[in-house]
């Protein structure tokens, strides 16, 4: 007997609608950051948002969406802060497998600004942490971040395409190291990262059972 972990068709339709809502909220957040609307318009929009928030809160769960498997069998985490299509905070990051490890085409938004006209360093670190962890997991050695070292080479622009890459470099026992970068499309490095990931002993024991 096998257990079907994929949500049913009706739930998939609801999740698809939720992903569309999350994207609209991303656009709303950018609009809030960039608007030059006058006070009356801002107050009017705020009142409408309060009403919409109350409507959504009428059917509120206790925590974000948990990881699951899509109907095609792919693992996903729709509530994740980096990759979650249903989380407005996420880009969302779409990661591709490469022979070297992991890669993602990125375009940061105005909401990610740190220094003027540049992406906040903490946002870059978050993206690289996730990319490094993904590369480690796809190498068959999933782990939790132990240390993350970031080297900021040049400012990361928002509103322009950049590329994130990551690959494992070595492993020793439950420890795995990985390197990654955020670069311009021509390969110019903007941010570099090295991470140490540790596989929890409980995960090792579960895999051996």
Protein backbone atom coordinates (compact mmCIF):
# COMPACT_ATOMS: atom_id res chain seq x y z
CA UNK A 1 0.00 0.00 0.00
CA UNK A 2 1.36 3.45 -0.92
CA UNK A 3 0.33 6.75 0.57
CA UNK A 4 -0.56 9.61 -1.79
CA UNK A 5 1.08 12.70 -0.31
CA UNK A 6 0.03 15.01 -3.15
CA UNK A 7 -2.89 17.36 -2.45
CA UNK A 8 -6.16 16.66 -4.24
CA UNK A 9 -7.29 18.50 -7.36
CA UNK A 10 -9.48 21.00 -5.47
CA UNK A 11 -6.62 21.81 -3.11
CA UNK A 12 -4.25 22.29 -6.03
CA UNK A 13 -6.68 24.78 -7.55
CA UNK A 14 -6.83 26.68 -4.26
CA UNK A 15 -3.04 26.69 -3.94
CA UNK A 16 -2.72 28.01 -7.49
CA UNK A 17 -5.10 30.85 -6.60
CA UNK A 18 -3.09 31.51 -3.44
CA UNK A 19 0.11 31.75 -5.51
CA UNK A 20 -1.57 34.35 -7.75
CA UNK A 21 -2.62 36.28 -4.63
CA UNK A 22 0.95 36.15 -3.28
CA UNK A 23 2.30 37.55 -6.56
CA UNK A 24 -0.23 40.37 -6.43
CA UNK A 25 0.88 41.15 -2.88
CA UNK A 26 4.50 41.32 -4.08
CA UNK A 27 3.43 43.89 -6.63
CA UNK A 28 1.50 45.71 -3.93
CA UNK A 29 4.59 45.84 -1.70
CA UNK A 30 6.66 47.31 -4.53
CA UNK A 31 3.89 49.83 -5.17
CA UNK A 32 3.91 50.85 -1.50
CA UNK A 33 7.69 51.37 -1.58
CA UNK A 34 7.56 53.44 -4.76
CA UNK A 35 4.24 55.32 -4.55
CA UNK A 36 3.99 59.10 -4.62
CA UNK A 37 0.25 59.03 -3.93
CA UNK A 38 -1.10 61.83 -1.75
CA UNK A 39 -2.22 61.36 1.85
CA UNK A 40 -5.92 60.95 1.03
CA UNK A 41 -5.20 58.20 -1.51
CA UNK A 42 -2.84 56.41 0.86
CA UNK A 43 -5.45 56.56 3.63
CA UNK A 44 -8.16 55.25 1.29
CA UNK A 45 -6.01 52.34 0.08
CA UNK A 46 -5.05 51.51 3.67
CA UNK A 47 -8.71 51.25 4.66
CA UNK A 48 -9.35 48.87 1.77
CA UNK A 49 -6.36 46.75 2.78
CA UNK A 50 -7.58 46.57 6.36
CA UNK A 51 -10.89 45.16 5.10
CA UNK A 52 -9.15 42.66 2.83
CA UNK A 53 -6.84 41.56 5.64
CA UNK A 54 -9.83 40.93 7.90
CA UNK A 55 -11.44 38.78 5.18
CA UNK A 56 -8.35 36.61 4.88
CA UNK A 57 -7.98 36.38 8.65
CA UNK A 58 -11.48 34.90 8.87
CA UNK A 59 -9.94 31.64 7.58
CA UNK A 60 -6.48 31.77 9.13
CA UNK A 61 -4.29 28.74 9.91
CA UNK A 62 -1.74 28.66 12.72
CA UNK A 63 1.42 28.42 10.58
CA UNK A 64 2.65 28.79 6.97
CA UNK A 65 2.13 26.03 4.43
CA UNK A 66 4.19 22.96 5.23
CA UNK A 67 6.42 21.13 2.72
CA UNK A 68 4.62 18.58 0.55
CA UNK A 69 4.77 16.89 -2.82
CA UNK A 70 3.15 18.31 -5.95
CA UNK A 71 0.97 16.04 -8.11
CA UNK A 72 4.00 15.40 -10.35
CA UNK A 73 5.92 14.10 -7.34
CA UNK A 74 8.21 17.11 -6.99
CA UNK A 75 9.04 18.24 -3.46
CA UNK A 76 7.97 21.81 -2.73
CA UNK A 77 7.60 24.23 0.17
CA UNK A 78 5.04 26.83 -0.86
CA UNK A 79 5.34 28.70 2.44
CA UNK A 80 9.14 29.06 2.34
CA UNK A 81 10.53 32.59 2.68
CA UNK A 82 12.87 32.09 -0.30
CA UNK A 83 11.18 29.65 -2.69
CA UNK A 84 7.55 29.68 -1.58
CA UNK A 85 5.22 30.63 -4.43
CA UNK A 86 2.49 31.25 -1.83
CA UNK A 87 4.68 33.43 0.40
CA UNK A 88 4.73 37.12 -0.68
CA UNK A 89 8.08 37.56 1.07
CA UNK A 90 9.73 35.12 -1.36
CA UNK A 91 11.11 36.17 -4.75
CA UNK A 92 10.14 33.29 -5.27
CA UNK A 93 13.46 31.66 -6.07
CA UNK A 94 13.25 29.01 -8.81
CA UNK A 95 16.28 26.71 -8.64
CA UNK A 96 17.54 24.58 -11.50
CA UNK A 97 19.84 21.57 -11.23
CA UNK A 98 23.13 21.83 -13.11
CA UNK A 99 26.03 19.38 -13.49
CA UNK A 100 27.94 21.57 -11.03
CA UNK A 101 25.16 22.01 -8.46
CA UNK A 102 22.35 24.58 -8.36
CA UNK A 103 21.55 27.74 -10.31
CA UNK A 104 18.82 30.38 -10.25
CA UNK A 105 18.05 33.42 -12.37
CA UNK A 106 17.31 36.30 -10.00
CA UNK A 107 15.79 39.74 -10.18
CA UNK A 108 15.47 41.52 -6.87
CA UNK A 109 12.71 44.04 -6.21
CA UNK A 110 12.64 47.56 -4.73
CA UNK A 111 11.45 46.03 -1.44
CA UNK A 112 14.91 44.42 -1.13
CA UNK A 113 16.81 47.73 -1.01
CA UNK A 114 19.56 48.18 1.56
CA UNK A 115 22.12 50.80 0.45
CA UNK A 116 20.52 53.22 -2.05
CA UNK A 117 19.84 51.49 -5.37
CA UNK A 118 21.30 48.20 -4.12
CA UNK A 119 20.03 44.99 -2.53
CA UNK A 120 20.38 44.63 1.24
CA UNK A 121 23.34 42.42 2.14
CA UNK A 122 21.17 40.29 4.41
CA UNK A 123 18.85 39.49 1.51
CA UNK A 124 21.80 38.39 -0.63
CA UNK A 125 23.02 36.21 2.26
CA UNK A 126 19.59 34.61 2.65
CA UNK A 127 19.44 33.73 -1.05
CA UNK A 128 22.95 32.27 -1.03
CA UNK A 129 22.27 30.32 2.16
CA UNK A 130 19.31 28.69 0.46
CA UNK A 131 21.18 28.00 -2.77
CA UNK A 132 24.09 26.44 -0.89
CA UNK A 133 21.73 24.30 1.17
CA UNK A 134 19.95 23.17 -1.98
CA UNK A 135 23.22 22.18 -3.62
CA UNK A 136 24.19 20.20 -0.53
CA UNK A 137 20.81 18.47 -0.38
CA UNK A 138 20.84 17.49 -4.05
CA UNK A 139 24.30 15.98 -3.56
CA UNK A 140 22.64 13.51 -1.21
CA UNK A 141 23.96 15.07 2.00
CA UNK A 142 21.13 17.30 3.23
CA UNK A 143 22.09 19.37 6.27
CA UNK A 144 21.47 22.47 8.33
CA UNK A 145 23.61 25.58 8.04
CA UNK A 146 26.47 25.52 10.54
CA UNK A 147 28.40 28.56 9.36
CA UNK A 148 27.96 30.97 6.48
CA UNK A 149 30.76 33.28 5.32
CA UNK A 150 29.82 36.11 2.95
CA UNK A 151 32.17 38.24 0.86
CA UNK A 152 30.58 41.33 -0.68
CA UNK A 153 32.53 42.22 -3.82
CA UNK A 154 30.21 44.72 -5.51
CA UNK A 155 26.70 46.10 -4.88
CA UNK A 156 23.88 43.86 -6.09
CA UNK A 157 21.36 45.80 -8.21
CA UNK A 158 17.63 45.32 -8.02
CA UNK A 159 15.41 45.42 -11.09
CA UNK A 160 18.18 43.87 -13.19
CA UNK A 161 18.90 40.19 -13.95
CA UNK A 162 21.59 38.48 -11.88
CA UNK A 163 22.50 34.81 -11.48
CA UNK A 164 22.94 32.72 -8.34
CA UNK A 165 25.00 29.52 -8.38
CA UNK A 166 26.13 27.02 -5.76
CA UNK A 167 28.03 23.73 -5.63
CA UNK A 168 29.39 21.40 -2.97
CA UNK A 169 33.17 21.37 -2.60
CA UNK A 170 33.99 18.65 -0.06
CA UNK A 171 32.55 16.44 2.65
CA UNK A 172 33.77 14.90 5.88
CA UNK A 173 31.55 12.77 8.09
CA UNK A 174 28.34 14.71 8.72
CA UNK A 175 29.88 17.95 7.43
CA UNK A 176 29.57 19.24 3.87
CA UNK A 177 31.03 22.45 2.44
CA UNK A 178 29.64 24.44 -0.48
CA UNK A 179 30.53 27.61 -2.37
CA UNK A 180 28.20 29.98 -4.17
CA UNK A 181 28.00 33.34 -5.89
CA UNK A 182 25.58 35.99 -7.05
CA UNK A 183 26.94 37.36 -10.33
CA UNK A 184 26.01 39.54 -13.24
CA UNK A 185 24.94 37.61 -16.36
CA UNK A 186 28.45 38.13 -17.80
CA UNK A 187 29.94 36.29 -14.82
CA UNK A 188 31.14 39.29 -12.82
CA UNK A 189 30.94 38.21 -9.15
CA UNK A 190 28.97 40.46 -6.83
CA UNK A 191 28.66 38.34 -3.69
CA UNK A 192 30.50 35.15 -2.77
CA UNK A 193 29.63 32.68 -0.04
CA UNK A 194 31.04 29.60 1.63
CA UNK A 195 28.85 27.49 3.86
CA UNK A 196 29.35 24.56 6.21
CA UNK A 197 26.31 22.30 6.47
CA UNK A 198 25.89 19.62 9.09
CA UNK A 199 23.59 16.63 8.69
CA UNK A 200 21.75 16.12 12.02
CA UNK A 201 22.49 12.74 13.57
CA UNK A 202 18.77 11.98 13.66
CA UNK A 203 18.63 12.33 9.87
CA UNK A 204 21.57 9.97 9.50
CA UNK A 205 19.91 7.42 11.76
CA UNK A 206 16.60 7.71 9.91
CA UNK A 207 18.30 7.19 6.55
CA UNK A 208 20.03 4.05 7.81
CA UNK A 209 16.81 2.46 9.13
